[in-house]
């Protein structure tokens, strides 16, 4: 039970520290278009554009974006631009294991 609580806490932290500005800034750092982030993350172009414009996303969709960008070595903290991190892969839990993954936007 403790591991489920820890996993849930890590997911909540990842969801709320990854902002629309982070998504835009991370794409710019990587030289990725919205379409490339869509291909890389499995999240629709429409959902990415909505998120980056300040709209809401399902938690699992937001996690999928954060997870994929983190896989490129980026870290996200509220109030700061994304940065390069060392050995950070896996800090955002893989959303594919979530029961609601099929609902990704």
Protein backbone atom coordinates (compact mmCIF):
# COMPACT_ATOMS: atom_id res chain seq x y z
CA UNK A 1 0.00 0.00 0.00
CA UNK A 2 2.86 2.40 0.79
CA UNK A 3 4.30 2.08 -2.71
CA UNK A 4 0.92 3.01 -4.23
CA UNK A 5 0.76 6.10 -2.00
CA UNK A 6 4.30 7.09 -3.02
CA UNK A 7 3.54 6.54 -6.70
CA UNK A 8 0.36 8.61 -6.44
CA UNK A 9 2.25 11.40 -4.66
CA UNK A 10 4.97 11.41 -7.33
CA UNK A 11 2.34 11.61 -10.06
CA UNK A 12 0.59 14.54 -8.36
CA UNK A 13 3.89 16.40 -8.01
CA UNK A 14 4.73 15.78 -11.69
CA UNK A 15 1.28 16.88 -12.84
CA UNK A 16 1.34 20.18 -10.99
CA UNK A 17 4.96 21.16 -11.55
CA UNK A 18 4.77 20.70 -15.35
CA UNK A 19 3.18 23.85 -16.77
CA UNK A 20 2.06 25.01 -20.24
CA UNK A 21 5.09 27.33 -20.33
CA UNK A 22 7.35 24.35 -19.59
CA UNK A 23 5.92 22.52 -22.58
CA UNK A 24 6.58 25.45 -24.92
CA UNK A 25 10.04 26.10 -23.50
CA UNK A 26 11.01 22.42 -23.63
CA UNK A 27 9.92 22.14 -27.26
CA UNK A 28 12.02 25.21 -28.09
CA UNK A 29 15.06 23.74 -26.29
CA UNK A 30 14.71 20.50 -28.23
CA UNK A 31 13.81 22.17 -31.52
CA UNK A 32 10.54 20.23 -31.60
CA UNK A 33 7.30 21.41 -33.18
CA UNK A 34 3.93 20.62 -31.65
CA UNK A 35 3.63 17.86 -34.25
CA UNK A 36 6.96 16.32 -33.20
CA UNK A 37 6.00 16.36 -29.52
CA UNK A 38 2.74 14.71 -30.52
CA UNK A 39 4.60 11.94 -32.38
CA UNK A 40 7.05 11.45 -29.54
CA UNK A 41 4.50 11.43 -26.70
CA UNK A 42 1.37 9.94 -28.24
CA UNK A 43 -0.59 13.04 -27.21
CA UNK A 44 -2.71 14.66 -29.91
CA UNK A 45 -1.67 17.95 -31.51
CA UNK A 46 -5.01 19.41 -30.46
CA UNK A 47 -4.43 18.51 -26.79
CA UNK A 48 -0.89 19.94 -26.80
CA UNK A 49 -2.09 23.20 -28.35
CA UNK A 50 -4.94 23.42 -25.82
CA UNK A 51 -2.55 22.80 -22.93
CA UNK A 52 0.02 25.32 -24.15
CA UNK A 53 -2.77 27.90 -24.50
CA UNK A 54 -3.61 27.39 -20.81
CA UNK A 55 -6.40 24.85 -21.20
CA UNK A 56 -6.99 21.78 -19.08
CA UNK A 57 -5.73 18.27 -19.78
CA UNK A 58 -6.44 14.96 -18.15
CA UNK A 59 -3.72 14.13 -15.61
CA UNK A 60 -2.62 11.10 -17.64
CA UNK A 61 -2.15 13.28 -20.74
CA UNK A 62 -0.10 15.84 -18.83
CA UNK A 63 2.01 13.04 -17.36
CA UNK A 64 2.63 11.61 -20.84
CA UNK A 65 4.01 14.97 -21.98
CA UNK A 66 6.19 15.42 -18.89
CA UNK A 67 7.43 11.82 -19.05
CA UNK A 68 8.44 12.12 -22.71
CA UNK A 69 10.24 15.45 -22.28
CA UNK A 70 11.95 14.17 -19.15
CA UNK A 71 13.24 11.25 -21.23
CA UNK A 72 15.19 13.88 -23.20
CA UNK A 73 16.96 14.90 -19.98
CA UNK A 74 14.82 17.89 -19.04
CA UNK A 75 13.68 18.72 -15.51
CA UNK A 76 10.76 20.92 -14.51
CA UNK A 77 10.33 23.14 -11.46
CA UNK A 78 7.57 25.69 -10.92
CA UNK A 79 8.65 29.23 -11.74
CA UNK A 80 11.76 28.20 -13.67
CA UNK A 81 12.48 27.35 -17.30
CA UNK A 82 13.20 23.66 -17.97
CA UNK A 83 16.77 22.65 -17.29
CA UNK A 84 19.01 19.77 -18.17
CA UNK A 85 19.28 17.19 -15.44
CA UNK A 86 21.52 14.24 -14.83
CA UNK A 87 20.03 10.85 -14.10
CA UNK A 88 16.50 12.21 -13.81
CA UNK A 89 14.81 9.73 -16.14
CA UNK A 90 12.09 8.01 -14.19
CA UNK A 91 11.33 10.88 -11.82
CA UNK A 92 7.96 11.26 -13.54
CA UNK A 93 6.19 7.89 -13.38
CA UNK A 94 5.51 6.20 -16.72
CA UNK A 95 1.85 6.94 -17.45
CA UNK A 96 1.43 3.73 -19.48
CA UNK A 97 0.97 1.82 -16.23
CA UNK A 98 -2.00 3.95 -15.15
CA UNK A 99 -5.45 2.40 -15.50
CA UNK A 100 -6.63 5.55 -17.29
CA UNK A 101 -3.84 5.50 -19.92
CA UNK A 102 -6.36 4.51 -22.60
CA UNK A 103 -7.97 7.92 -22.06
CA UNK A 104 -4.87 9.84 -23.19
CA UNK A 105 -5.90 12.79 -25.31
